[in-house]
């Protein structure tokens, strides 16, 4: 039976106690706490409306109906985090219920706020008027287009209770108050479409958290007080006490409201995969993952790993801290790779990656002064290259070994090699410390995607702790986004230079082996070096050719050339022509391949 007067209002207004473990950003963890709020019954079946922040994340609910001394059990049917609404189902049937007000809500309308404020079991009713029919509904725990502003006093514990007319008809759902005697209720037009879906066991604009927008001195985000078991948030690995700082790459709650968070949810369907970035203060971890996708896991941070080994940042004679970097995104000329770099690293280049005098892929470089980055230890910078071609010649480790060999002359301390992993790539990195008089740090990272379709190299020099933030930006942003050029800058596989019928039969290697035709331009001597993974020997005058059995990389060592090493990188079942003169070795060109 519908309630038709204020005298009978208490019969359809319920007090709700939510028991569970919640974590407050100021008070910390609250084990087995029991928070209380208000709700109201909307049909004879015992369906009741309340606020999301009253019930979500609770282990159990107790509901007192009509001032009863014994609580009844109830279950949550559906919640809306952004509209701050929930529908619960109280056991039993035959309940008195409230109907909605059908008239226009205008300023001056007499209204009454009903509920159980401050956890008191005694039913209260306060009187006021509607001050504003459409007020701003953005708060730190909800994002509602518009709400009703009124002056009928509500206190903590009134949340979820009805705002009614003199004949007991519901004008809105009380959900917020302020110290200036301004109180707010969710209007009928906002509430009814959401309630209809909640009654169908559907969550609306929700991932399963009891959240609040939080802004601190150095961050902002959605504070997670509790998590609903089995929800998308739970499956993603979110925990009470987490701070969601970004969703789908958008920084959250910078204005202290839920608006950005809710805009992301409302832009997507419930089953969509959404990226998350989370700070977990309890373990001092930065986590990345997805709702409806990859679970949260720690994000690699060089800043945390190397923070104690890098000099503090200063600027000028006064020793004042250098300003924090701002960032911009670079792409190469092929639009194949991208990287986020400090705006002050404005000496940039996005041309192709030239490796051993051969174009092997795309490249980006950035530094305040790139020449100084290459030749000194006192200028930060980065080189980022990506190549499909090099996968035929190197593994992650062997390419890193190649760069390590090139670094033997560095005035640095080699600290060792370690594993690298992020959401897209895995690899290894070498770490060099105490470089030069300034004590800079150099990182050489080689990584690849899961399908090993290309290799990437990042060479990064950091000078002080201001560069650590840049380091993490670099590592969080490097990505292959398009087609990489192959050898010689083409996007196609290079065509052999010599037709098969024009090749001396003695040049063809046995199956599974490779041959290199060594041509001395000065003497016109020709020597054919053929090798497999078991051996590699050839000589031309004083030249010694050796083959790395793991990579098919020929290395020429010629004592005539002021100790000089050069490399011809080859693959099996192919012939290469390698020229030399009396001073150097030139390019090593593919002239035939059984694979083409």
Foldseek 3Di string as FASTA:
>chain_A
DEFFAPVCLQQFKKKKWFFAWWQDPPPGIDGRDIFIAMWGAAAQQAKIKFFPLRYFQGPFMWMDGSLDPHTFGKAWLAHEQAARMTIIGTPDGRGHGAAADDDDQDWPAKKKQWFAAPVHSDIDIFIWTFHHQFDADWAQRHHFRTWTKIQGDDHHRSGHTFIAHRRRHGQFGWHDDDPVSITTGHGPVRPPVQVVVSVVSYYALDQFFRWGWDDDPPATAIQGTHGHPPGLCVVLPDGHQKGFQDKQRHGPCPVRTCVVSSVVSVVDDRQDKMKTWIQRVVVRFIWIAIRNGGHIDGADAVCVVCVVQFAAAADDPVRHHDDAFDWDKDAAPVSFKIFIFGPLQPPKHWQFDQDLNKGFWTKIKTWNDVVCVVPHQATKIKIKTKGLQCLLFDDLVVVQVVVVVVCPPWQWAWPDKDWDDHPFKIGMKTKTFLTDPQTKIWIWTWIAGPVRRMIMIMIIIDRGSSCSVRVVRRVVGIDGDDQIAHIRRHSDDDDAPADPVPDDPVQFEDAQKEWEWEAEPAVRDTDIWIDALPFTFDDDVQWTWGANSVGRKIWIFHVQAVGDIGIDGDHGQWYWYWYDYSHGTDHIGTRDHPVD
